[in-house]
C-alpha atoms as a PDB file:
ATOM      1  CA  UNK A   1     -60.759 -76.263 -12.430  1.00  0.00           C
ATOM      2  CA  UNK A   2     -62.993 -73.309 -13.055  1.00  0.00           C
ATOM      3  CA  UNK A   3     -61.080 -70.304 -13.904  1.00  0.00           C
ATOM      4  CA  UNK A   4     -62.299 -66.767 -14.673  1.00  0.00           C
ATOM      5  CA  UNK A   5     -60.773 -64.122 -16.890  1.00  0.00           C
ATOM      6  CA  UNK A   6     -61.984 -61.034 -18.790  1.00  0.00           C
ATOM      7  CA  UNK A   7     -60.966 -59.857 -22.169  1.00  0.00           C
ATOM      8  CA  UNK A   8     -61.779 -57.263 -24.648  1.00  0.00           C
ATOM      9  CA  UNK A   9     -65.099 -58.476 -26.433  1.00  0.00           C
ATOM     10  CA  UNK A  10     -63.494 -58.447 -29.840  1.00  0.00           C
ATOM     11  CA  UNK A  11     -60.652 -60.866 -28.405  1.00  0.00           C
ATOM     12  CA  UNK A  12     -62.370 -63.236 -26.310  1.00  0.00           C
ATOM     13  CA  UNK A  13     -63.565 -65.764 -28.851  1.00  0.00           C
ATOM     14  CA  UNK A  14     -60.024 -65.954 -30.290  1.00  0.00           C
ATOM     15  CA  UNK A  15     -58.668 -66.612 -26.722  1.00  0.00           C
ATOM     16  CA  UNK A  16     -61.443 -69.210 -26.081  1.00  0.00           C
ATOM     17  CA  UNK A  17     -60.501 -71.057 -29.264  1.00  0.00           C
ATOM     18  CA  UNK A  18     -56.739 -71.130 -28.725  1.00  0.00           C
ATOM     19  CA  UNK A  19     -57.373 -72.548 -25.191  1.00  0.00           C
ATOM     20  CA  UNK A  20     -59.360 -75.307 -26.758  1.00  0.00           C
ATOM     21  CA  UNK A  21     -57.119 -75.989 -29.666  1.00  0.00           C
ATOM     22  CA  UNK A  22     -54.109 -76.089 -27.442  1.00  0.00           C
ATOM     23  CA  UNK A  23     -55.817 -78.358 -25.029  1.00  0.00           C
ATOM     24  CA  UNK A  24     -55.530 -76.051 -22.099  1.00  0.00           C
ATOM     25  CA  UNK A  25     -59.291 -76.247 -21.528  1.00  0.00           C
ATOM     26  CA  UNK A  26     -62.067 -78.500 -22.317  1.00  0.00           C
ATOM     27  CA  UNK A  27     -64.886 -75.793 -22.299  1.00  0.00           C
ATOM     28  CA  UNK A  28     -64.904 -71.963 -22.306  1.00  0.00           C
ATOM     29  CA  UNK A  29     -68.262 -70.182 -21.690  1.00  0.00           C
ATOM     30  CA  UNK A  30     -68.330 -66.554 -23.022  1.00  0.00           C
ATOM     31  CA  UNK A  31     -70.426 -64.050 -21.458  1.00  0.00           C
ATOM     32  CA  UNK A  32     -70.462 -60.913 -23.597  1.00  0.00           C
ATOM     33  CA  UNK A  33     -71.119 -57.382 -22.960  1.00  0.00           C
ATOM     34  CA  UNK A  34     -70.145 -56.925 -19.311  1.00  0.00           C
ATOM     35  CA  UNK A  35     -68.961 -53.456 -18.307  1.00  0.00           C
ATOM     36  CA  UNK A  36     -65.912 -53.459 -16.189  1.00  0.00           C
ATOM     37  CA  UNK A  37     -64.919 -50.320 -14.206  1.00  0.00           C
ATOM     38  CA  UNK A  38     -61.445 -50.418 -12.712  1.00  0.00           C
ATOM     39  CA  UNK A  39     -58.329 -48.215 -11.915  1.00  0.00           C
ATOM     40  CA  UNK A  40     -55.488 -48.589 -14.488  1.00  0.00           C
ATOM     41  CA  UNK A  41     -52.298 -46.335 -14.182  1.00  0.00           C
ATOM     42  CA  UNK A  42     -54.198 -44.026 -11.680  1.00  0.00           C
ATOM     43  CA  UNK A  43     -57.070 -43.544 -13.928  1.00  0.00           C
ATOM     44  CA  UNK A  44     -60.586 -44.878 -13.644  1.00  0.00           C
ATOM     45  CA  UNK A  45     -61.661 -47.053 -16.741  1.00  0.00           C
ATOM     46  CA  UNK A  46     -64.746 -48.322 -17.961  1.00  0.00           C
ATOM     47  CA  UNK A  47     -64.510 -50.994 -20.666  1.00  0.00           C
ATOM     48  CA  UNK A  48     -66.870 -53.309 -22.445  1.00  0.00           C
ATOM     49  CA  UNK A  49     -65.354 -56.733 -22.077  1.00  0.00           C
ATOM     50  CA  UNK A  50     -66.338 -60.366 -22.136  1.00  0.00           C
ATOM     51  CA  UNK A  51     -66.197 -62.669 -19.259  1.00  0.00           C
ATOM     52  CA  UNK A  52     -64.489 -66.175 -19.869  1.00  0.00           C
ATOM     53  CA  UNK A  53     -65.539 -69.032 -17.648  1.00  0.00           C
ATOM     54  CA  UNK A  54     -62.765 -71.649 -18.366  1.00  0.00           C
ATOM     55  CA  UNK A  55     -62.835 -75.443 -17.537  1.00  0.00           C
ATOM     56  CA  UNK A  56     -59.163 -76.142 -17.838  1.00  0.00           C
ATOM     57  CA  UNK A  57     -55.783 -76.225 -16.240  1.00  0.00           C
ATOM     58  CA  UNK A  58     -54.378 -73.056 -14.589  1.00  0.00           C
ATOM     59  CA  UNK A  59     -50.903 -73.458 -15.551  1.00  0.00           C
ATOM     60  CA  UNK A  60     -51.611 -74.191 -19.343  1.00  0.00           C
ATOM     61  CA  UNK A  61     -54.103 -71.483 -19.517  1.00  0.00           C
ATOM     62  CA  UNK A  62     -51.654 -68.994 -17.736  1.00  0.00           C
ATOM     63  CA  UNK A  63     -48.881 -69.914 -20.264  1.00  0.00           C
ATOM     64  CA  UNK A  64     -51.144 -69.228 -23.297  1.00  0.00           C
ATOM     65  CA  UNK A  65     -52.323 -66.097 -21.665  1.00  0.00           C
ATOM     66  CA  UNK A  66     -48.769 -64.801 -21.258  1.00  0.00           C
ATOM     67  CA  UNK A  67     -48.412 -64.859 -24.887  1.00  0.00           C
ATOM     68  CA  UNK A  68     -51.818 -64.232 -26.399  1.00  0.00           C
ATOM     69  CA  UNK A  69     -53.919 -62.170 -23.924  1.00  0.00           C
ATOM     70  CA  UNK A  70     -53.996 -58.665 -24.966  1.00  0.00           C
ATOM     71  CA  UNK A  71     -53.833 -57.006 -21.650  1.00  0.00           C
ATOM     72  CA  UNK A  72     -50.401 -56.193 -20.092  1.00  0.00           C
ATOM     73  CA  UNK A  73     -51.902 -57.390 -16.785  1.00  0.00           C
ATOM     74  CA  UNK A  74     -54.578 -59.991 -17.205  1.00  0.00           C
ATOM     75  CA  UNK A  75     -56.846 -61.497 -14.512  1.00  0.00           C
ATOM     76  CA  UNK A  76     -56.772 -65.307 -14.133  1.00  0.00           C
ATOM     77  CA  UNK A  77     -58.667 -66.460 -11.109  1.00  0.00           C
ATOM     78  CA  UNK A  78     -59.088 -70.065  -9.915  1.00  0.00           C
ATOM     79  CA  UNK A  79     -62.115 -71.056  -8.293  1.00  0.00           C
ATOM     80  CA  UNK A  80     -62.466 -74.400  -6.322  1.00  0.00           C
ATOM     81  CA  UNK A  81     -65.854 -75.837  -7.232  1.00  0.00           C
ATOM     82  CA  UNK A  82     -67.608 -79.048  -6.591  1.00  0.00           C
ATOM     83  CA  UNK A  83     -69.142 -80.605  -9.668  1.00  0.00           C
ATOM     84  CA  UNK A  84     -72.069 -83.089 -10.052  1.00  0.00           C
ATOM     85  CA  UNK A  85     -70.381 -86.765 -10.316  1.00  0.00           C
ATOM     86  CA  UNK A  86     -70.998 -87.402 -14.096  1.00  0.00           C
ATOM     87  CA  UNK A  87     -69.798 -83.969 -15.120  1.00  0.00           C
ATOM     88  CA  UNK A  88     -66.638 -84.198 -12.761  1.00  0.00           C
ATOM     89  CA  UNK A  89     -65.741 -87.549 -14.254  1.00  0.00           C
ATOM     90  CA  UNK A  90     -66.165 -86.090 -17.905  1.00  0.00           C
ATOM     91  CA  UNK A  91     -64.190 -83.050 -17.033  1.00  0.00           C
ATOM     92  CA  UNK A  92     -61.249 -84.735 -15.318  1.00  0.00           C
ATOM     93  CA  UNK A  93     -60.928 -87.506 -17.903  1.00  0.00           C
ATOM     94  CA  UNK A  94     -61.121 -85.070 -20.772  1.00  0.00           C
ATOM     95  CA  UNK A  95     -58.458 -82.854 -19.409  1.00  0.00           C
ATOM     96  CA  UNK A  96     -56.212 -85.783 -18.638  1.00  0.00           C
ATOM     97  CA  UNK A  97     -56.523 -87.153 -22.143  1.00  0.00           C
ATOM     98  CA  UNK A  98     -56.173 -83.452 -23.610  1.00  0.00           C
ATOM     99  CA  UNK A  99     -59.425 -83.939 -25.683  1.00  0.00           C
ATOM    100  CA  UNK A 100     -61.532 -80.877 -26.699  1.00  0.00           C
ATOM    101  CA  UNK A 101     -65.125 -80.546 -25.599  1.00  0.00           C
END
């Protein structure tokens, strides 16, 4: 239920809000000002991005990202995590009911 992605810093908040508004996620943490270095189309790129830590449903987040994420090839990684009991209950029940956090 933890998903990771990156986005341009000026687009990350809009993506987070869309995920919450469309009930694909119950919470999105934004970690601003990370520097990502990667290879794109044979060139080394260095970009200022934000990290999105998403508590949500992979399929719903992926569907939204296909239409809204600004990158031609975006990252969406799922991490299996174990949560403390009360948080896990809140997270599962909120996702199930489609509530916002």
